[in-house]
Amino acid sequence: MVHPRKNAVQFNEFLRQLLEAKRDRLVVLVLDNASYHVTKATLDILTAHEDHIIVLWLPKYSPELNAIEGLWGYLKKSALNNYFFGDLESLETAVIEMFDALNQTPETTLSLAYKVSQNLCRTA
């Protein structure tokens, strides 16, 4: 889902769509403690679906354990660095193109995941 900002309403809509799409599968979410992940409404959704959703909460203030941080760093360096997009649509297109390229080069995605696993091992 693409949204111009992140908030609980949008995250909860994402959760509803995810749960609907994966209603017959076990869903594992790795969440940090962003404010929109821990609202009462969000926690109510997670509790209501605890029969087929497992939440792994990352410790607070641990970006080195959050795989998305490595992905965002890669995104910034490879697709967004030193460029003014002018509008949200152009920025969204650049992000989608980068994800499409990552899907064509799984070794890059694996190397990003490997960096996170190294950080996890160092922290543990």
C-alpha atoms as a PDB file:
ATOM      1  CA  MET A   1       0.000   0.000   0.000  1.00  0.00           C
ATOM      2  CA  VAL A   2       1.268   3.435  -0.842  1.00  0.00           C
ATOM      3  CA  HIS A   3       0.241   6.401   1.283  1.00  0.00           C
ATOM      4  CA  PRO A   4       1.680   9.887   1.568  1.00  0.00           C
ATOM      5  CA  ARG A   5       1.994   9.445   5.350  1.00  0.00           C
ATOM      6  CA  LYS A   6       2.031   6.682   7.891  1.00  0.00           C
ATOM      7  CA  ASN A   7      -0.613   6.585  10.583  1.00  0.00           C
ATOM      8  CA  ALA A   8      -2.761   4.103  12.489  1.00  0.00           C
ATOM      9  CA  VAL A   9      -5.772   4.420  10.181  1.00  0.00           C
ATOM     10  CA  GLN A  10      -3.694   3.497   7.130  1.00  0.00           C
ATOM     11  CA  PHE A  11      -1.783   0.757   8.962  1.00  0.00           C
ATOM     12  CA  ASN A  12      -5.035  -0.775  10.178  1.00  0.00           C
ATOM     13  CA  GLU A  13      -6.392  -0.736   6.632  1.00  0.00           C
ATOM     14  CA  PHE A  14      -3.211  -2.510   5.524  1.00  0.00           C
ATOM     15  CA  LEU A  15      -3.747  -5.104   8.274  1.00  0.00           C
ATOM     16  CA  ARG A  16      -7.348  -5.679   7.176  1.00  0.00           C
ATOM     17  CA  GLN A  17      -6.297  -6.152   3.550  1.00  0.00           C
ATOM     18  CA  LEU A  18      -3.441  -8.460   4.550  1.00  0.00           C
ATOM     19  CA  LEU A  19      -5.678 -10.560   6.778  1.00  0.00           C
ATOM     20  CA  GLU A  20      -8.321 -10.813   4.061  1.00  0.00           C
ATOM     21  CA  ALA A  21      -5.785 -11.818   1.409  1.00  0.00           C
ATOM     22  CA  LYS A  22      -4.112 -14.367   3.700  1.00  0.00           C
ATOM     23  CA  ARG A  23      -7.164 -15.595   5.643  1.00  0.00           C
ATOM     24  CA  ASP A  24      -6.223 -19.242   5.021  1.00  0.00           C
ATOM     25  CA  ARG A  25      -2.579 -18.860   5.994  1.00  0.00           C
ATOM     26  CA  LEU A  26      -0.645 -18.169   9.141  1.00  0.00           C
ATOM     27  CA  VAL A  27       0.652 -14.592   9.036  1.00  0.00           C
ATOM     28  CA  VAL A  28       3.832 -13.575  10.834  1.00  0.00           C
ATOM     29  CA  LEU A  29       4.390  -9.848  11.292  1.00  0.00           C
ATOM     30  CA  VAL A  30       7.635  -8.336  12.499  1.00  0.00           C
ATOM     31  CA  LEU A  31       6.767  -4.955  13.930  1.00  0.00           C
ATOM     32  CA  ASP A  32       8.736  -2.225  15.551  1.00  0.00           C
ATOM     33  CA  ASN A  33       7.165  -0.006  18.164  1.00  0.00           C
ATOM     34  CA  ALA A  34       6.148   2.794  15.835  1.00  0.00           C
ATOM     35  CA  SER A  35       3.291   4.745  17.371  1.00  0.00           C
ATOM     36  CA  TYR A  36       0.837   3.549  14.716  1.00  0.00           C
ATOM     37  CA  HIS A  37       1.705  -0.104  15.478  1.00  0.00           C
ATOM     38  CA  VAL A  38       0.696   0.144  19.129  1.00  0.00           C
ATOM     39  CA  THR A  39      -2.584   2.059  19.081  1.00  0.00           C
ATOM     40  CA  LYS A  40      -5.560   0.500  20.831  1.00  0.00           C
ATOM     41  CA  ALA A  41      -7.324  -0.004  17.485  1.00  0.00           C
ATOM     42  CA  THR A  42      -4.289  -1.795  16.024  1.00  0.00           C
ATOM     43  CA  LEU A  43      -3.814  -3.983  19.082  1.00  0.00           C
ATOM     44  CA  ASP A  44      -7.533  -4.826  18.980  1.00  0.00           C
ATOM     45  CA  ILE A  45      -7.196  -6.015  15.362  1.00  0.00           C
ATOM     46  CA  LEU A  46      -4.134  -8.100  16.219  1.00  0.00           C
ATOM     47  CA  THR A  47      -5.875  -9.626  19.237  1.00  0.00           C
ATOM     48  CA  ALA A  48      -9.038 -10.390  17.269  1.00  0.00           C
ATOM     49  CA  HIS A  49      -6.954 -12.354  14.752  1.00  0.00           C
ATOM     50  CA  GLU A  50      -4.464 -13.982  17.104  1.00  0.00           C
ATOM     51  CA  ASP A  51      -5.607 -17.392  15.870  1.00  0.00           C
ATOM     52  CA  HIS A  52      -3.787 -16.878  12.573  1.00  0.00           C
ATOM     53  CA  ILE A  53      -1.455 -13.950  13.138  1.00  0.00           C
ATOM     54  CA  ILE A  54       1.809 -14.015  15.076  1.00  0.00           C
ATOM     55  CA  VAL A  55       3.439 -10.717  15.946  1.00  0.00           C
ATOM     56  CA  LEU A  56       7.164 -10.558  16.661  1.00  0.00           C
ATOM     57  CA  TRP A  57       7.856  -7.253  18.369  1.00  0.00           C
ATOM     58  CA  LEU A  58      11.300  -5.790  17.873  1.00  0.00           C
ATOM     59  CA  PRO A  59      12.893  -4.143  20.898  1.00  0.00           C
ATOM     60  CA  LYS A  60      12.472  -0.377  21.044  1.00  0.00           C
ATOM     61  CA  TYR A  61      15.182   1.680  19.365  1.00  0.00           C
ATOM     62  CA  SER A  62      16.719  -1.189  17.416  1.00  0.00           C
ATOM     63  CA  PRO A  63      16.919  -0.144  13.763  1.00  0.00           C
ATOM     64  CA  GLU A  64      19.781  -2.602  13.242  1.00  0.00           C
ATOM     65  CA  LEU A  65      17.268  -5.450  13.714  1.00  0.00           C
ATOM     66  CA  ASN A  66      14.615  -4.014  11.418  1.00  0.00           C
ATOM     67  CA  ALA A  67      14.985  -5.378   7.889  1.00  0.00           C
ATOM     68  CA  ILE A  68      13.049  -2.460   6.457  1.00  0.00           C
ATOM     69  CA  GLU A  69      15.785  -0.064   7.595  1.00  0.00           C
ATOM     70  CA  GLY A  70      18.318  -1.785   5.322  1.00  0.00           C
ATOM     71  CA  LEU A  71      15.819  -1.729   2.495  1.00  0.00           C
ATOM     72  CA  TRP A  72      15.107   1.982   2.959  1.00  0.00           C
ATOM     73  CA  GLY A  73      18.850   2.695   3.050  1.00  0.00           C
ATOM     74  CA  TYR A  74      19.272   0.790  -0.202  1.00  0.00           C
ATOM     75  CA  LEU A  75      16.290   2.596  -1.703  1.00  0.00           C
ATOM     76  CA  LYS A  76      17.700   5.985  -0.774  1.00  0.00           C
ATOM     77  CA  LYS A  77      21.139   5.184  -2.222  1.00  0.00           C
ATOM     78  CA  SER A  78      19.959   3.461  -5.383  1.00  0.00           C
ATOM     79  CA  ALA A  79      16.789   5.256  -6.424  1.00  0.00           C
ATOM     80  CA  LEU A  80      16.228   8.466  -4.502  1.00  0.00           C
ATOM     81  CA  ASN A  81      19.607  10.015  -3.760  1.00  0.00           C
ATOM     82  CA  ASN A  82      20.228  13.546  -5.024  1.00  0.00           C
ATOM     83  CA  TYR A  83      17.021  13.794  -7.029  1.00  0.00           C
ATOM     84  CA  PHE A  84      13.993  16.038  -6.584  1.00  0.00           C
ATOM     85  CA  PHE A  85      10.831  14.267  -7.691  1.00  0.00           C
ATOM     86  CA  GLY A  86       8.484  17.231  -7.664  1.00  0.00           C
ATOM     87  CA  ASP A  87       5.367  15.226  -6.873  1.00  0.00           C
ATOM     88  CA  LEU A  88       4.294  12.112  -5.022  1.00  0.00           C
ATOM     89  CA  GLU A  89       3.440  10.219  -8.207  1.00  0.00           C
ATOM     90  CA  SER A  90       7.005  10.539  -9.557  1.00  0.00           C
ATOM     91  CA  LEU A  91       8.457   9.447  -6.224  1.00  0.00           C
ATOM     92  CA  GLU A  92       6.077   6.473  -6.102  1.00  0.00           C
ATOM     93  CA  THR A  93       7.079   5.457  -9.632  1.00  0.00           C
ATOM     94  CA  ALA A  94      10.775   5.508  -8.693  1.00  0.00           C
ATOM     95  CA  VAL A  95      10.125   3.373  -5.610  1.00  0.00           C
ATOM     96  CA  ILE A  96       8.052   0.850  -7.586  1.00  0.00           C
ATOM     97  CA  GLU A  97      10.762   0.628 -10.260  1.00  0.00           C
ATOM     98  CA  MET A  98      13.366  -0.043  -7.573  1.00  0.00           C
ATOM     99  CA  PHE A  99      11.242  -2.832  -6.075  1.00  0.00           C
ATOM    100  CA  ASP A 100      10.720  -4.301  -9.547  1.00  0.00           C
ATOM    101  CA  ALA A 101      14.498  -4.282 -10.050  1.00  0.00           C
ATOM    102  CA  LEU A 102      15.022  -5.950  -6.659  1.00  0.00           C
ATOM    103  CA  ASN A 103      12.569  -8.663  -7.651  1.00  0.00           C
ATOM    104  CA  GLN A 104      14.741  -9.343 -10.705  1.00  0.00           C
ATOM    105  CA  THR A 105      17.921  -9.564  -8.624  1.00  0.00           C
ATOM    106  CA  PRO A 106      17.205 -11.732  -5.589  1.00  0.00           C
ATOM    107  CA  GLU A 107      20.883 -11.779  -4.650  1.00  0.00           C
ATOM    108  CA  THR A 108      20.604  -8.070  -3.774  1.00  0.00           C
ATOM    109  CA  THR A 109      17.562  -8.713  -1.619  1.00  0.00           C
ATOM    110  CA  LEU A 110      19.341 -11.615   0.062  1.00  0.00           C
ATOM    111  CA  SER A 111      22.398  -9.495   0.753  1.00  0.00           C
ATOM    112  CA  LEU A 112      20.184  -6.887   2.414  1.00  0.00           C
ATOM    113  CA  ALA A 113      18.590  -9.609   4.553  1.00  0.00           C
ATOM    114  CA  TYR A 114      22.043 -11.015   5.371  1.00  0.00           C
ATOM    115  CA  LYS A 115      23.145  -7.653   6.740  1.00  0.00           C
ATOM    116  CA  VAL A 116      20.136  -7.642   9.050  1.00  0.00           C
ATOM    117  CA  SER A 117      20.839 -11.197  10.211  1.00  0.00           C
ATOM    118  CA  GLN A 118      24.473 -10.224  10.942  1.00  0.00           C
ATOM    119  CA  ASN A 119      23.202  -7.331  13.069  1.00  0.00           C
ATOM    120  CA  LEU A 120      20.799  -9.673  14.838  1.00  0.00           C
ATOM    121  CA  CYS A 121      23.611 -12.099  15.671  1.00  0.00           C
ATOM    122  CA  ARG A 122      25.812  -9.270  16.931  1.00  0.00           C
ATOM    123  CA  THR A 123      23.008  -7.966  19.145  1.00  0.00           C
ATOM    124  CA  ALA A 124      21.923 -11.341  20.558  1.00  0.00           C
END
